[in-house]
């Protein structure tokens, strides 16, 4: 029986990835490294999957040896076939020290584990398309260190972590780097774990609908806004990690034909309220005003840091992802094809406190 290891369980992508891997391989066991504070949630998630094939191990990736008991670490280094490293701090306003500890030091410790793993066939490292930082124009999958600056500590530390993977892991273990864009709910059901990212736009539309206000455009009209549904991301990770041709590759898991910020707000407004946006507020005005609590509430609780993603003219090339994932029947769906399930799920759960970002 093969054993794969995953970090980031029971997170939004991690939980679904474990379900996918168990479904694909009936004889597979998953060793899930879990933060102590997440253990109850992990037990509940594992019970909903296949608790007998999911081993939950309390761990701390920020510590050398991943914070595992010596016996567990030794056993896993001897057994593990594939490692899926998803654990990270995704908050755009994360303090640097915390982001550095989890995103960078944690990744370094995972890389050390992989180098010592005796039977390792693949490290699948989940990065982000936004390691591109403040770059504009077209960003290619083979590019990483290009002298770019960054919009926040999330981006800069994920960049540092990917550099670590590229310089230390790729030369010593079979590695695939996967860079998703902004991940939204399931393209079929709309299910998501947290209403952040473009869901802040939906909440702005909902608040305007209830108060009778018009919805205004508030992003740079022509800036691409790249989102992909979680089911595509999970299927792409699973396929790439098992594909010999993906070893040593870096793949953009993004929409090759993204909407512009203007199109995104328009489509979400139509889908939720049946109304067109009217007027436009300059992006810089919005970003500044969102630092005022009352204004932020009017915009659905949108954090000021997120507006940069509506204003940033960057596109991501997908030629390697297309070449490698098309034989697996994988291509991200068009946003217009899944906006209805996305909006329907939001409408049914928009008052659920569990889905509101912390």
Foldseek 3Di string as FASTA:
>chain_A
DAEAEEEPPPDFLNLVLVLVVCVVDVPYAYEYEDAPVCVVVRCVSCVVRPVVRYHYFHFQLLDALRRGDPVVLVVCLAGHAEYEYDDADPDQADDQVRRQSCLASSLLNVLVSQLSRDNYQEYEYEAAPCLQAQDAEEDEQVDQPDPHDHLGSNSPSSSNSVVCCLPRRLVRHFYFYEHEYAEFEALVQLDGQAQAQCSLLLLLLVLCVVVVHAAAQQFDQAAFQKYFYSVLVSVLSVQLRPDPVRGPGYFYNIAQDGHASQVSSQLSNCLQPVDGHDYYDYNVVLLVVCVDPVSCVSSNVHHSSSRVSNYRRYGYDGVVVCVRCVVVVGDTDDCSSRSNSNSVVCVVCVPPPSRYDD
